[in-house]
Amino acid sequence: METIKSRYAILGTLGDNEGFLTCSMHIAKNLNNADTIVPYPLFEEAAKDLKSERISCLLVPGAYPKINSFIMDSELEVSESFVKKIPALVLSGFGGKCPENIDIIFHHPATTYLLSEITTSYKENIAVSSNPEGCRMVIKNINRSITITNQLCADHYGLTTYKVLRKGINMPWVCFIKRLKEREL
């Protein structure tokens, strides 16, 4: 496994101000390779700040469906990549027993593949910007919804874990920096 060698002044990644609950914020904290970690509601917003040099690094998991947009962006370049295990991915909601039928299941687009493993019938699946957002939506829609989230979020928001979908998988991660003009030559 490649060792993390770079040190960044300000690393931006998916998260919010409630702590290190997203897989991205959790990994960023555990890497200990940034002086400051800034949460963003979308990776794209962090990329915008990277381009304008408000941050010095953007951390994105390989499972993010739109990672190619950063790889192909002429203003960005990959500074390093590595593999780190993410927290368990779980199906969660309120109550002691997983419902057989539900109106809505919330999930981050990176976990769309896991919908095929859910035995609960649902009318609608709604993509949310992050795992914490999925948990907050379940709280707003008690008895009508469940979420695919990580175990950190389920525990933080007091949700019941109905099923562990992945115990924690080795995830590829990519650090992006702003491309310097002289590197383009």
Protein backbone atom coordinates (compact mmCIF):
# COMPACT_ATOMS: atom_id res chain seq x y z
CA MET A 1 0.00 0.00 0.00
CA GLU A 2 1.31 3.41 -0.96
CA THR A 3 2.16 5.71 1.92
CA ILE A 4 0.67 9.17 2.02
CA LYS A 5 3.54 11.58 1.51
CA SER A 6 2.01 14.94 0.67
CA ARG A 7 1.05 17.56 3.21
CA TYR A 8 -1.67 20.04 2.30
CA ALA A 9 -2.44 23.39 3.91
CA ILE A 10 -6.21 23.14 3.34
CA LEU A 11 -7.92 19.94 2.19
CA GLY A 12 -11.53 20.10 1.00
CA THR A 13 -13.88 17.13 0.72
CA LEU A 14 -17.52 16.10 1.07
CA GLY A 15 -18.90 16.84 4.51
CA ASP A 16 -20.71 19.29 6.72
CA ASN A 17 -20.20 21.10 10.00
CA GLU A 18 -21.56 18.24 12.13
CA GLY A 19 -18.20 16.48 12.34
CA PHE A 20 -16.25 13.82 10.54
CA LEU A 21 -19.29 11.73 9.58
CA THR A 22 -18.94 11.33 5.83
CA CYS A 23 -16.52 8.66 4.66
CA SER A 24 -14.54 11.45 3.01
CA MET A 25 -14.21 13.55 6.18
CA HIS A 26 -13.41 10.42 8.20
CA ILE A 27 -10.60 9.43 5.82
CA ALA A 28 -9.30 13.02 5.62
CA LYS A 29 -9.07 13.19 9.41
CA ASN A 30 -7.36 9.81 9.72
CA LEU A 31 -4.82 10.64 7.01
CA ASN A 32 -3.52 13.52 9.07
CA ASN A 33 -2.01 15.09 5.95
CA ALA A 34 -3.67 18.51 6.07
CA ASP A 35 -3.37 21.46 8.39
CA THR A 36 -7.07 22.23 7.92
CA ILE A 37 -9.97 20.13 6.62
CA VAL A 38 -12.90 22.01 5.09
CA PRO A 39 -16.27 20.30 4.51
CA TYR A 40 -18.24 20.93 1.31
CA PRO A 41 -21.82 19.94 0.44
CA LEU A 42 -20.62 18.83 -3.02
CA PHE A 43 -17.26 17.73 -4.40
CA GLU A 44 -17.85 20.15 -7.27
CA GLU A 45 -17.95 23.11 -4.88
CA ALA A 46 -14.64 22.04 -3.38
CA ALA A 47 -13.18 21.74 -6.90
CA LYS A 48 -14.27 25.31 -7.63
CA ASP A 49 -12.44 26.50 -4.49
CA LEU A 50 -9.38 24.46 -5.46
CA LYS A 51 -9.27 26.20 -8.84
CA SER A 52 -9.50 29.61 -7.16
CA GLU A 53 -6.83 28.52 -4.63
CA ARG A 54 -9.06 28.85 -1.54
CA ILE A 55 -8.02 25.27 -0.74
CA SER A 56 -4.89 23.35 -1.74
CA CYS A 57 -6.28 19.80 -2.16
CA LEU A 58 -9.52 18.05 -3.08
CA LEU A 59 -10.01 14.52 -1.71
CA VAL A 60 -12.44 12.31 -3.69
CA PRO A 61 -13.29 8.60 -3.28
CA GLY A 62 -12.98 6.37 -6.32
CA ALA A 63 -16.64 5.36 -5.91
CA TYR A 64 -17.83 8.89 -6.64
CA PRO A 65 -19.68 8.52 -9.97
CA LYS A 66 -18.44 11.87 -11.33
CA ILE A 67 -14.74 11.52 -10.41
CA ASN A 68 -13.89 11.48 -14.11
CA SER A 69 -14.91 15.15 -14.37
CA PHE A 70 -12.04 16.02 -12.01
CA ILE A 71 -9.56 13.68 -13.70
CA MET A 72 -10.28 15.24 -17.10
CA ASP A 73 -10.42 18.84 -15.85
CA SER A 74 -7.55 20.75 -17.48
CA GLU A 75 -7.19 22.95 -14.38
CA LEU A 76 -6.69 20.02 -11.99
CA GLU A 77 -4.23 17.18 -11.66
CA VAL A 78 -3.88 14.12 -9.45
CA SER A 79 -1.23 14.61 -6.79
CA GLU A 80 -1.57 11.15 -5.24
CA SER A 81 -3.86 8.19 -4.84
CA PHE A 82 -4.11 5.53 -2.17
CA VAL A 83 -6.43 2.90 -0.69
CA LYS A 84 -8.07 3.23 2.74
CA LYS A 85 -10.94 1.30 4.30
CA ILE A 86 -14.21 3.18 4.76
CA PRO A 87 -16.64 2.65 7.64
CA ALA A 88 -19.31 -0.02 7.24
CA LEU A 89 -22.15 0.80 4.85
CA VAL A 90 -25.51 0.03 6.43
CA LEU A 91 -29.25 0.16 5.89
CA SER A 92 -30.76 2.26 8.68
CA GLY A 93 -33.95 3.86 9.89
CA PHE A 94 -36.12 4.28 12.97
CA GLY A 95 -37.59 1.42 14.95
CA GLY A 96 -36.41 -1.97 16.06
CA LYS A 97 -37.30 -3.92 12.94
CA CYS A 98 -36.63 -3.15 9.30
CA PRO A 99 -39.90 -2.35 7.53
CA GLU A 100 -41.05 -4.62 4.72
CA ASN A 101 -42.48 -1.68 2.77
CA ILE A 102 -41.45 1.98 2.82
CA ASP A 103 -42.14 5.08 0.77
CA ILE A 104 -38.59 6.37 0.31
CA ILE A 105 -35.02 5.13 0.54
CA PHE A 106 -32.34 7.84 0.65
CA HIS A 107 -28.81 7.13 -0.54
CA HIS A 108 -25.69 8.84 -1.86
CA PRO A 109 -25.13 8.22 -5.60
CA ALA A 110 -21.94 6.28 -4.76
CA THR A 111 -24.10 3.64 -3.05
CA THR A 112 -26.67 3.22 -5.85
CA TYR A 113 -25.36 -0.28 -6.59
CA LEU A 114 -26.38 -1.37 -3.08
CA LEU A 115 -30.07 -0.71 -3.79
CA SER A 116 -30.21 -4.13 -5.47
CA GLU A 117 -29.41 -5.74 -2.10
CA ILE A 118 -32.31 -4.17 -0.23
CA THR A 119 -35.22 -6.53 0.47
CA THR A 120 -37.51 -3.76 1.71
CA SER A 121 -39.96 -2.66 -0.98
CA TYR A 122 -39.85 1.08 -1.61
CA LYS A 123 -41.79 3.42 -3.88
CA GLU A 124 -38.98 5.86 -4.55
CA ASN A 125 -35.21 6.09 -4.16
CA ILE A 126 -33.81 9.57 -3.73
CA ALA A 127 -30.16 10.47 -4.13
CA VAL A 128 -28.81 12.82 -1.48
CA SER A 129 -25.56 14.79 -1.34
CA SER A 130 -24.05 12.85 1.59
CA ASN A 131 -24.60 10.12 4.16
CA PRO A 132 -25.42 12.65 6.92
CA GLU A 133 -28.01 14.24 4.62
CA GLY A 134 -29.63 10.82 4.11
CA CYS A 135 -29.89 10.38 7.89
CA ARG A 136 -31.36 13.86 8.36
CA MET A 137 -33.94 13.10 5.66
CA VAL A 138 -34.96 9.93 7.50
CA ILE A 139 -35.43 11.98 10.66
CA LYS A 140 -37.69 14.38 8.70
CA ASN A 141 -39.62 11.45 7.21
CA ILE A 142 -39.99 9.16 10.23
CA ASN A 143 -41.93 5.96 9.47
CA ARG A 144 -41.85 6.74 5.74
CA SER A 145 -38.18 6.26 4.91
CA ILE A 146 -34.89 4.42 5.41
CA THR A 147 -31.37 5.21 4.25
CA ILE A 148 -28.18 3.62 3.04
CA THR A 149 -25.48 5.35 5.07
CA ASN A 150 -22.27 4.64 6.90
CA GLN A 151 -22.20 3.30 10.46
CA LEU A 152 -20.70 6.55 11.80
CA CYS A 153 -23.76 8.50 10.61
CA ALA A 154 -26.30 5.91 11.74
CA ASP A 155 -24.80 5.95 15.24
CA HIS A 156 -24.49 9.75 15.36
CA TYR A 157 -28.14 10.29 14.40
CA GLY A 158 -29.45 7.48 16.63
CA LEU A 159 -30.76 5.35 13.78
CA THR A 160 -31.24 1.60 13.99
CA THR A 161 -28.92 -0.45 11.79
CA TYR A 162 -31.10 -3.01 10.01
CA LYS A 163 -28.46 -4.58 7.83
CA VAL A 164 -24.73 -4.24 7.24
CA LEU A 165 -24.40 -4.04 3.46
CA ARG A 166 -20.58 -3.82 3.48
CA LYS A 167 -18.44 -4.29 6.58
CA GLY A 168 -16.07 -1.65 5.30
CA ILE A 169 -14.40 -1.86 1.95
CA ASN A 170 -11.00 -0.81 0.74
CA MET A 171 -11.71 2.35 -1.22
CA PRO A 172 -9.38 4.05 -3.69
CA TRP A 173 -8.94 7.76 -2.92
CA VAL A 174 -7.59 10.50 -5.12
CA CYS A 175 -6.07 13.83 -4.09
CA PHE A 176 -6.36 16.59 -6.68
CA ILE A 177 -4.36 19.81 -6.76
CA LYS A 178 -4.52 22.82 -9.04
CA ARG A 179 -2.45 22.27 -12.16
CA LEU A 180 0.43 24.72 -12.40
CA LYS A 181 0.89 26.32 -15.81
CA GLU A 182 4.52 25.16 -16.15
CA ARG A 183 3.40 21.52 -15.69
CA GLU A 184 1.28 21.79 -18.82
CA LEU A 185 4.37 22.17 -21.06
